[in-house]
Amino acid sequence: MRLRNWLAVIVSVLLLAAAGTIGILVNRSAVEAADTVHRADSKALSVNNGLLIGQLQMLAVAELGDFVTDHALSLEKGSQADWRDLAGLVSKSNTFQYGALLTDLGGTLLNATRTSGLPAMTDPGWAPMRELLAAGKPGFSSVMTADQTQLQAIAIPIVRDGKPAGVLIGLNQIASTSLQKYIETLQDGTHITLVVDSTGRIGATNATERMGTKVDPAIQAVLAGEDSFQFLEYTADDTPMITTVVRGLPGGWVYLRVQTMS
């Protein structure tokens, strides 16, 4: 009898252990399934927001294109007629209220709506814009600073007789753009949304105190990746983090959705 009782106890213990193991595996499977669903949702949301942001950027390009179509700019240095046209663009625009410029193809300033508060033409932030223009595409600068004001430049070529003859540049103050206003609506307390230039400097965010600063070095290191989308896991100040990275925005800009792993 004793042997039979011991066998019953052993079998009961083994059954309990097996049930516990199955419970752990089922719970782990449920957690993994929930994480898979959450990641799929995060990817879909991030990709969609990236597309919307790209569309906002291209609307700004379209505004410059319409202006060039509607105005016969002389491209003469210091032309008062060109200045009046540029001033009209700035006064009517919701994007380029900060200013507008005309330059020749070499970057020499021909006309501008303002005489101060402009980034130096040697500022490295112009480089991405110029590279895109040289490739026949609309140009987008990196974030630049002039008189403590953070700016972005968007540019298109002015074509004469089928060839580029000059460049129209619109300047926006990044803290007050339509893009920034849109990003501020994405705040839900669980994450931070960032739109950064190719150097990792923040040009739009719902954490406004971070505007114009650079993202974590771990994020900077993957901005130029080849894939259009990536989940990036890293540690910041001993806190595990996960970020969705959406590349391919105009001008090499990148959309980021940053949150803790917990």
C-alpha atoms as a PDB file:
ATOM      1  CA  MET A   1       0.000   0.000   0.000  1.00  0.00           C
ATOM      2  CA  ARG A   2       2.773   2.357   0.893  1.00  0.00           C
ATOM      3  CA  LEU A   3       4.400   1.853  -2.513  1.00  0.00           C
ATOM      4  CA  ARG A   4       1.083   2.482  -4.213  1.00  0.00           C
ATOM      5  CA  ASN A   5       0.575   5.672  -2.185  1.00  0.00           C
ATOM      6  CA  TRP A   6       4.044   6.905  -3.024  1.00  0.00           C
ATOM      7  CA  LEU A   7       3.474   6.177  -6.684  1.00  0.00           C
ATOM      8  CA  ALA A   8       0.231   8.187  -6.539  1.00  0.00           C
ATOM      9  CA  VAL A   9       2.065  11.105  -4.917  1.00  0.00           C
ATOM     10  CA  ILE A  10       4.845  10.979  -7.487  1.00  0.00           C
ATOM     11  CA  VAL A  11       2.369  10.852 -10.371  1.00  0.00           C
ATOM     12  CA  SER A  12       0.447  13.793  -8.881  1.00  0.00           C
ATOM     13  CA  VAL A  13       3.614  15.828  -8.535  1.00  0.00           C
ATOM     14  CA  LEU A  14       4.627  15.031 -12.106  1.00  0.00           C
ATOM     15  CA  LEU A  15       1.186  15.985 -13.380  1.00  0.00           C
ATOM     16  CA  LEU A  16       1.308  19.261 -11.464  1.00  0.00           C
ATOM     17  CA  ALA A  17       4.774  20.014 -12.813  1.00  0.00           C
ATOM     18  CA  ALA A  18       3.654  19.225 -16.344  1.00  0.00           C
ATOM     19  CA  ALA A  19       0.587  21.414 -15.938  1.00  0.00           C
ATOM     20  CA  GLY A  20       2.786  24.227 -14.630  1.00  0.00           C
ATOM     21  CA  THR A  21       5.166  23.869 -17.545  1.00  0.00           C
ATOM     22  CA  ILE A  22       2.286  23.897 -20.008  1.00  0.00           C
ATOM     23  CA  GLY A  23       0.889  27.002 -18.290  1.00  0.00           C
ATOM     24  CA  ILE A  24       4.225  28.772 -18.550  1.00  0.00           C
ATOM     25  CA  LEU A  25       4.561  27.840 -22.215  1.00  0.00           C
ATOM     26  CA  VAL A  26       1.003  28.936 -22.972  1.00  0.00           C
ATOM     27  CA  ASN A  27       1.565  32.224 -21.128  1.00  0.00           C
ATOM     28  CA  ARG A  28       4.846  32.776 -22.947  1.00  0.00           C
ATOM     29  CA  SER A  29       3.167  32.028 -26.260  1.00  0.00           C
ATOM     30  CA  ALA A  30       0.396  34.495 -25.445  1.00  0.00           C
ATOM     31  CA  VAL A  31       2.929  37.177 -24.520  1.00  0.00           C
ATOM     32  CA  GLU A  32       4.881  36.561 -27.722  1.00  0.00           C
ATOM     33  CA  ALA A  33       1.680  36.680 -29.773  1.00  0.00           C
ATOM     34  CA  ALA A  34       0.663  39.957 -28.099  1.00  0.00           C
ATOM     35  CA  ASP A  35       4.118  41.398 -28.770  1.00  0.00           C
ATOM     36  CA  THR A  36       3.877  40.347 -32.436  1.00  0.00           C
ATOM     37  CA  VAL A  37       0.497  42.056 -32.777  1.00  0.00           C
ATOM     38  CA  HIS A  38       1.781  45.169 -30.986  1.00  0.00           C
ATOM     39  CA  ARG A  39       4.803  45.366 -33.278  1.00  0.00           C
ATOM     40  CA  ALA A  40       2.647  44.942 -36.361  1.00  0.00           C
ATOM     41  CA  ASP A  41       0.372  47.764 -35.175  1.00  0.00           C
ATOM     42  CA  SER A  42       3.356  49.988 -34.371  1.00  0.00           C
ATOM     43  CA  LYS A  43       4.873  49.349 -37.784  1.00  0.00           C
ATOM     44  CA  ALA A  44       1.621  50.119 -39.602  1.00  0.00           C
ATOM     45  CA  LEU A  45       1.113  53.323 -37.605  1.00  0.00           C
ATOM     46  CA  SER A  46       4.701  54.480 -38.097  1.00  0.00           C
ATOM     47  CA  VAL A  47       4.759  53.771 -41.831  1.00  0.00           C
ATOM     48  CA  ASN A  48       1.454  55.592 -42.263  1.00  0.00           C
ATOM     49  CA  ASN A  49       2.710  58.625 -40.326  1.00  0.00           C
ATOM     50  CA  GLY A  50       5.900  58.595 -42.372  1.00  0.00           C
ATOM     51  CA  LEU A  51       3.863  58.710 -45.582  1.00  0.00           C
ATOM     52  CA  LEU A  52       1.762  61.605 -44.284  1.00  0.00           C
ATOM     53  CA  ILE A  53       4.872  63.532 -43.268  1.00  0.00           C
ATOM     54  CA  GLY A  54       6.413  62.979 -46.692  1.00  0.00           C
ATOM     55  CA  GLN A  55       3.241  64.330 -48.276  1.00  0.00           C
ATOM     56  CA  LEU A  56       3.403  67.436 -46.092  1.00  0.00           C
ATOM     57  CA  GLN A  57       6.988  68.013 -47.199  1.00  0.00           C
ATOM     58  CA  MET A  58       6.060  67.647 -50.868  1.00  0.00           C
ATOM     59  CA  LEU A  59       3.150  70.079 -50.471  1.00  0.00           C
ATOM     60  CA  ALA A  60       5.752  72.684 -49.536  1.00  0.00           C
ATOM     61  CA  VAL A  61       7.637  71.845 -52.735  1.00  0.00           C
ATOM     62  CA  ALA A  62       4.413  72.220 -54.727  1.00  0.00           C
ATOM     63  CA  GLU A  63       3.873  75.682 -53.225  1.00  0.00           C
ATOM     64  CA  LEU A  64       7.284  76.797 -54.494  1.00  0.00           C
ATOM     65  CA  GLY A  65       6.573  75.245 -57.888  1.00  0.00           C
ATOM     66  CA  ASP A  66       3.296  77.135 -58.222  1.00  0.00           C
ATOM     67  CA  PHE A  67       5.075  80.365 -57.346  1.00  0.00           C
ATOM     68  CA  VAL A  68       7.713  79.867 -60.040  1.00  0.00           C
ATOM     69  CA  THR A  69       5.014  79.039 -62.591  1.00  0.00           C
ATOM     70  CA  ASP A  70       3.056  82.189 -61.761  1.00  0.00           C
ATOM     71  CA  HIS A  71       5.995  84.649 -61.637  1.00  0.00           C
ATOM     72  CA  ALA A  72       8.533  85.574 -64.299  1.00  0.00           C
ATOM     73  CA  LEU A  73      11.571  86.070 -62.087  1.00  0.00           C
ATOM     74  CA  SER A  74      14.452  87.962 -63.661  1.00  0.00           C
ATOM     75  CA  LEU A  75      17.137  86.384 -61.460  1.00  0.00           C
ATOM     76  CA  GLU A  76      19.041  89.662 -61.608  1.00  0.00           C
ATOM     77  CA  LYS A  77      20.995  90.392 -58.447  1.00  0.00           C
ATOM     78  CA  GLY A  78      19.091  92.853 -56.258  1.00  0.00           C
ATOM     79  CA  SER A  79      16.072  93.067 -58.589  1.00  0.00           C
ATOM     80  CA  GLN A  80      13.273  95.001 -56.871  1.00  0.00           C
ATOM     81  CA  ALA A  81      10.635  93.219 -58.961  1.00  0.00           C
ATOM     82  CA  ASP A  82      11.941  89.838 -57.812  1.00  0.00           C
ATOM     83  CA  TRP A  83      12.063  91.080 -54.225  1.00  0.00           C
ATOM     84  CA  ARG A  84       8.409  92.153 -54.369  1.00  0.00           C
ATOM     85  CA  ASP A  85       7.425  88.754 -55.734  1.00  0.00           C
ATOM     86  CA  LEU A  86       9.353  86.977 -52.982  1.00  0.00           C
ATOM     87  CA  ALA A  87       7.777  89.220 -50.341  1.00  0.00           C
ATOM     88  CA  GLY A  88       4.358  88.283 -51.714  1.00  0.00           C
ATOM     89  CA  LEU A  89       5.205  84.588 -51.399  1.00  0.00           C
ATOM     90  CA  VAL A  90       6.258  84.999 -47.789  1.00  0.00           C
ATOM     91  CA  SER A  91       3.223  87.079 -46.812  1.00  0.00           C
ATOM     92  CA  LYS A  92       0.767  84.511 -48.204  1.00  0.00           C
ATOM     93  CA  SER A  93       2.531  81.304 -47.209  1.00  0.00           C
ATOM     94  CA  ASN A  94       1.771  79.200 -44.147  1.00  0.00           C
ATOM     95  CA  THR A  95       5.087  77.407 -44.583  1.00  0.00           C
ATOM     96  CA  PHE A  96       7.659  79.979 -45.651  1.00  0.00           C
ATOM     97  CA  GLN A  97       6.729  82.891 -43.418  1.00  0.00           C
ATOM     98  CA  TYR A  98      10.329  83.181 -42.229  1.00  0.00           C
ATOM     99  CA  GLY A  99      11.728  84.131 -45.621  1.00  0.00           C
ATOM    100  CA  ALA A 100      12.516  83.337 -49.240  1.00  0.00           C
ATOM    101  CA  LEU A 101      15.717  83.561 -51.277  1.00  0.00           C
ATOM    102  CA  LEU A 102      16.939  83.445 -54.841  1.00  0.00           C
ATOM    103  CA  THR A 103      20.426  82.173 -55.602  1.00  0.00           C
ATOM    104  CA  ASP A 104      22.357  81.317 -58.728  1.00  0.00           C
ATOM    105  CA  LEU A 105      23.348  77.714 -59.396  1.00  0.00           C
ATOM    106  CA  GLY A 106      26.582  78.178 -57.473  1.00  0.00           C
ATOM    107  CA  GLY A 107      24.805  79.307 -54.303  1.00  0.00           C
ATOM    108  CA  THR A 108      25.510  83.044 -54.611  1.00  0.00           C
ATOM    109  CA  LEU A 109      22.674  85.039 -53.061  1.00  0.00           C
ATOM    110  CA  LEU A 110      20.749  87.123 -55.620  1.00  0.00           C
ATOM    111  CA  ASN A 111      17.788  88.280 -53.561  1.00  0.00           C
ATOM    112  CA  ALA A 112      16.173  87.735 -50.172  1.00  0.00           C
ATOM    113  CA  THR A 113      13.160  88.955 -48.250  1.00  0.00           C
ATOM    114  CA  ARG A 114      15.295  89.628 -45.201  1.00  0.00           C
ATOM    115  CA  THR A 115      18.741  91.088 -44.642  1.00  0.00           C
ATOM    116  CA  SER A 116      19.469  89.376 -41.321  1.00  0.00           C
ATOM    117  CA  GLY A 117      18.665  86.098 -39.624  1.00  0.00           C
ATOM    118  CA  LEU A 118      19.824  83.990 -42.560  1.00  0.00           C
ATOM    119  CA  PRO A 119      22.053  80.918 -42.217  1.00  0.00           C
ATOM    120  CA  ALA A 120      25.509  81.514 -43.618  1.00  0.00           C
ATOM    121  CA  MET A 121      25.700  80.199 -47.169  1.00  0.00           C
ATOM    122  CA  THR A 122      28.670  78.122 -45.978  1.00  0.00           C
ATOM    123  CA  ASP A 123      26.559  76.380 -43.292  1.00  0.00           C
ATOM    124  CA  PRO A 124      26.953  72.582 -43.743  1.00  0.00           C
ATOM    125  CA  GLY A 125      23.181  72.254 -43.397  1.00  0.00           C
ATOM    126  CA  TRP A 126      22.820  73.462 -46.989  1.00  0.00           C
ATOM    127  CA  ALA A 127      24.785  70.493 -48.337  1.00  0.00           C
ATOM    128  CA  PRO A 128      21.949  67.909 -48.517  1.00  0.00           C
ATOM    129  CA  MET A 129      19.751  70.452 -50.297  1.00  0.00           C
ATOM    130  CA  ARG A 130      22.422  71.219 -52.875  1.00  0.00           C
ATOM    131  CA  GLU A 131      23.135  67.533 -53.492  1.00  0.00           C
ATOM    132  CA  LEU A 132      19.464  66.866 -54.187  1.00  0.00           C
ATOM    133  CA  LEU A 133      19.188  69.864 -56.496  1.00  0.00           C
ATOM    134  CA  ALA A 134      22.254  68.684 -58.415  1.00  0.00           C
ATOM    135  CA  ALA A 135      20.498  65.348 -58.872  1.00  0.00           C
ATOM    136  CA  GLY A 136      17.459  67.100 -60.339  1.00  0.00           C
ATOM    137  CA  LYS A 137      15.297  66.679 -57.239  1.00  0.00           C
ATOM    138  CA  PRO A 138      13.672  69.145 -54.816  1.00  0.00           C
ATOM    139  CA  GLY A 139      16.166  70.141 -52.140  1.00  0.00           C
ATOM    140  CA  PHE A 140      15.757  69.781 -48.374  1.00  0.00           C
ATOM    141  CA  SER A 141      18.399  71.124 -46.001  1.00  0.00           C
ATOM    142  CA  SER A 142      19.316  69.821 -42.599  1.00  0.00           C
ATOM    143  CA  VAL A 143      18.220  71.840 -39.571  1.00  0.00           C
ATOM    144  CA  MET A 144      20.203  75.110 -39.453  1.00  0.00           C
ATOM    145  CA  THR A 145      20.383  77.873 -36.852  1.00  0.00           C
ATOM    146  CA  ALA A 146      20.440  81.631 -37.475  1.00  0.00           C
ATOM    147  CA  ASP A 147      20.206  84.144 -34.629  1.00  0.00           C
ATOM    148  CA  GLN A 148      19.131  81.309 -32.289  1.00  0.00           C
ATOM    149  CA  THR A 149      16.244  80.412 -34.621  1.00  0.00           C
ATOM    150  CA  GLN A 150      16.112  76.875 -35.991  1.00  0.00           C
ATOM    151  CA  LEU A 151      15.316  76.705 -39.690  1.00  0.00           C
ATOM    152  CA  GLN A 152      14.897  74.344 -42.596  1.00  0.00           C
ATOM    153  CA  ALA A 153      15.309  75.297 -46.240  1.00  0.00           C
ATOM    154  CA  ILE A 154      13.329  73.755 -49.101  1.00  0.00           C
ATOM    155  CA  ALA A 155      14.371  74.548 -52.662  1.00  0.00           C
ATOM    156  CA  ILE A 156      13.515  73.954 -56.297  1.00  0.00           C
ATOM    157  CA  PRO A 157      15.407  74.864 -59.470  1.00  0.00           C
ATOM    158  CA  ILE A 158      14.186  77.720 -61.667  1.00  0.00           C
ATOM    159  CA  VAL A 159      14.286  76.531 -65.265  1.00  0.00           C
ATOM    160  CA  ARG A 160      14.896  78.742 -68.288  1.00  0.00           C
ATOM    161  CA  ASP A 161      14.888  77.330 -71.828  1.00  0.00           C
ATOM    162  CA  GLY A 162      14.825  73.804 -70.453  1.00  0.00           C
ATOM    163  CA  LYS A 163      17.876  74.286 -68.207  1.00  0.00           C
ATOM    164  CA  PRO A 164      18.285  75.232 -64.527  1.00  0.00           C
ATOM    165  CA  ALA A 165      19.095  78.934 -64.265  1.00  0.00           C
ATOM    166  CA  GLY A 166      18.718  79.620 -60.543  1.00  0.00           C
ATOM    167  CA  VAL A 167      17.266  78.331 -57.299  1.00  0.00           C
ATOM    168  CA  LEU A 168      14.222  79.391 -55.272  1.00  0.00           C
ATOM    169  CA  ILE A 169      14.574  78.685 -51.552  1.00  0.00           C
ATOM    170  CA  GLY A 170      11.861  78.900 -48.924  1.00  0.00           C
ATOM    171  CA  LEU A 171      12.816  79.056 -45.254  1.00  0.00           C
ATOM    172  CA  ASN A 172      10.587  77.720 -42.512  1.00  0.00           C
ATOM    173  CA  GLN A 173      10.955  78.122 -38.766  1.00  0.00           C
ATOM    174  CA  ILE A 174      10.697  74.498 -37.692  1.00  0.00           C
ATOM    175  CA  ALA A 175       8.936  75.228 -34.407  1.00  0.00           C
ATOM    176  CA  SER A 176       5.887  76.637 -36.205  1.00  0.00           C
ATOM    177  CA  THR A 177       5.497  74.535 -39.361  1.00  0.00           C
ATOM    178  CA  SER A 178       2.438  72.510 -40.355  1.00  0.00           C
ATOM    179  CA  LEU A 179       4.593  69.425 -39.806  1.00  0.00           C
ATOM    180  CA  GLN A 180       5.320  70.429 -36.209  1.00  0.00           C
ATOM    181  CA  LYS A 181       1.642  71.150 -35.545  1.00  0.00           C
ATOM    182  CA  TYR A 182       0.740  67.703 -36.895  1.00  0.00           C
ATOM    183  CA  ILE A 183       3.410  65.940 -34.829  1.00  0.00           C
ATOM    184  CA  GLU A 184       2.090  67.618 -31.666  1.00  0.00           C
ATOM    185  CA  THR A 185      -1.265  65.891 -32.208  1.00  0.00           C
ATOM    186  CA  LEU A 186       0.406  62.461 -31.955  1.00  0.00           C
ATOM    187  CA  GLN A 187       1.129  62.708 -28.235  1.00  0.00           C
ATOM    188  CA  ASP A 188      -0.406  59.942 -26.088  1.00  0.00           C
ATOM    189  CA  GLY A 189       1.953  59.644 -23.137  1.00  0.00           C
ATOM    190  CA  THR A 190       3.408  56.282 -24.186  1.00  0.00           C
ATOM    191  CA  HIS A 191       5.944  57.409 -26.754  1.00  0.00           C
ATOM    192  CA  ILE A 192       7.822  60.333 -28.282  1.00  0.00           C
ATOM    193  CA  THR A 193       7.498  61.131 -31.975  1.00  0.00           C
ATOM    194  CA  LEU A 194      10.500  62.637 -33.757  1.00  0.00           C
ATOM    195  CA  VAL A 195      11.242  63.697 -37.315  1.00  0.00           C
ATOM    196  CA  VAL A 196      14.980  64.155 -37.788  1.00  0.00           C
ATOM    197  CA  ASP A 197      17.317  65.227 -40.561  1.00  0.00           C
ATOM    198  CA  SER A 198      20.023  62.954 -41.933  1.00  0.00           C
ATOM    199  CA  THR A 199      22.433  64.024 -39.176  1.00  0.00           C
ATOM    200  CA  GLY A 200      19.986  63.089 -36.407  1.00  0.00           C
ATOM    201  CA  ARG A 201      18.979  66.629 -35.480  1.00  0.00           C
ATOM    202  CA  ILE A 202      15.331  66.929 -34.488  1.00  0.00           C
ATOM    203  CA  GLY A 203      13.188  69.043 -36.807  1.00  0.00           C
ATOM    204  CA  ALA A 204       9.748  68.155 -35.422  1.00  0.00           C
ATOM    205  CA  THR A 205       8.629  66.465 -32.206  1.00  0.00           C
ATOM    206  CA  ASN A 206       5.855  66.229 -29.648  1.00  0.00           C
ATOM    207  CA  ALA A 207       8.565  66.656 -26.987  1.00  0.00           C
ATOM    208  CA  THR A 208       9.088  70.310 -27.876  1.00  0.00           C
ATOM    209  CA  GLU A 209      11.901  70.827 -25.387  1.00  0.00           C
ATOM    210  CA  ARG A 210      14.043  68.557 -27.588  1.00  0.00           C
ATOM    211  CA  MET A 211      13.575  70.584 -30.775  1.00  0.00           C
ATOM    212  CA  GLY A 212      16.893  71.151 -32.530  1.00  0.00           C
ATOM    213  CA  THR A 213      18.804  68.663 -30.371  1.00  0.00           C
ATOM    214  CA  LYS A 214      20.263  65.380 -31.565  1.00  0.00           C
ATOM    215  CA  VAL A 215      18.813  61.933 -31.005  1.00  0.00           C
ATOM    216  CA  ASP A 216      20.527  59.151 -29.062  1.00  0.00           C
ATOM    217  CA  PRO A 217      23.780  57.960 -30.711  1.00  0.00           C
ATOM    218  CA  ALA A 218      22.262  54.483 -31.105  1.00  0.00           C
ATOM    219  CA  ILE A 219      19.573  55.991 -33.334  1.00  0.00           C
ATOM    220  CA  GLN A 220      22.037  58.215 -35.203  1.00  0.00           C
ATOM    221  CA  ALA A 221      24.002  55.102 -36.129  1.00  0.00           C
ATOM    222  CA  VAL A 222      21.092  53.556 -38.081  1.00  0.00           C
ATOM    223  CA  LEU A 223      19.574  56.600 -39.815  1.00  0.00           C
ATOM    224  CA  ALA A 224      21.282  55.808 -43.110  1.00  0.00           C
ATOM    225  CA  GLY A 225      20.226  52.148 -43.152  1.00  0.00           C
ATOM    226  CA  GLU A 226      19.111  50.552 -46.398  1.00  0.00           C
ATOM    227  CA  ASP A 227      15.716  49.192 -45.320  1.00  0.00           C
ATOM    228  CA  SER A 228      12.729  51.520 -45.348  1.00  0.00           C
ATOM    229  CA  PHE A 229      11.642  50.304 -41.892  1.00  0.00           C
ATOM    230  CA  GLN A 230      13.373  48.982 -38.780  1.00  0.00           C
ATOM    231  CA  PHE A 231      12.677  48.180 -35.139  1.00  0.00           C
ATOM    232  CA  LEU A 232      15.688  49.377 -33.142  1.00  0.00           C
ATOM    233  CA  GLU A 233      16.272  48.075 -29.623  1.00  0.00           C
ATOM    234  CA  TYR A 234      18.883  49.790 -27.473  1.00  0.00           C
ATOM    235  CA  THR A 235      19.552  51.073 -23.948  1.00  0.00           C
ATOM    236  CA  ALA A 236      19.461  54.732 -22.898  1.00  0.00           C
ATOM    237  CA  ASP A 237      20.465  55.642 -19.328  1.00  0.00           C
ATOM    238  CA  ASP A 238      20.053  51.972 -18.310  1.00  0.00           C
ATOM    239  CA  THR A 239      16.499  51.923 -19.700  1.00  0.00           C
ATOM    240  CA  PRO A 240      15.664  49.400 -22.471  1.00  0.00           C
ATOM    241  CA  MET A 241      14.178  51.298 -25.414  1.00  0.00           C
ATOM    242  CA  ILE A 242      12.551  50.418 -28.724  1.00  0.00           C
ATOM    243  CA  THR A 243      12.179  52.770 -31.670  1.00  0.00           C
ATOM    244  CA  THR A 244      10.414  52.411 -34.998  1.00  0.00           C
ATOM    245  CA  VAL A 245      12.570  53.884 -37.762  1.00  0.00           C
ATOM    246  CA  VAL A 246      10.889  54.927 -41.026  1.00  0.00           C
ATOM    247  CA  ARG A 247      13.394  56.007 -43.667  1.00  0.00           C
ATOM    248  CA  GLY A 248      12.865  57.372 -47.149  1.00  0.00           C
ATOM    249  CA  LEU A 249      11.289  60.729 -46.340  1.00  0.00           C
ATOM    250  CA  PRO A 250      12.211  63.539 -48.755  1.00  0.00           C
ATOM    251  CA  GLY A 251      15.720  64.871 -48.256  1.00  0.00           C
ATOM    252  CA  GLY A 252      16.867  61.881 -46.200  1.00  0.00           C
ATOM    253  CA  TRP A 253      14.726  62.831 -43.216  1.00  0.00           C
ATOM    254  CA  VAL A 254      13.545  60.029 -40.932  1.00  0.00           C
ATOM    255  CA  TYR A 255      10.446  59.405 -38.810  1.00  0.00           C
ATOM    256  CA  LEU A 256      10.973  57.907 -35.337  1.00  0.00           C
ATOM    257  CA  ARG A 257       8.572  56.613 -32.676  1.00  0.00           C
ATOM    258  CA  VAL A 258      10.458  56.142 -29.418  1.00  0.00           C
ATOM    259  CA  GLN A 259       9.285  54.361 -26.270  1.00  0.00           C
ATOM    260  CA  THR A 260      10.486  52.158 -23.431  1.00  0.00           C
ATOM    261  CA  MET A 261      10.418  48.371 -23.770  1.00  0.00           C
ATOM    262  CA  SER A 262       8.167  47.991 -20.715  1.00  0.00           C
END
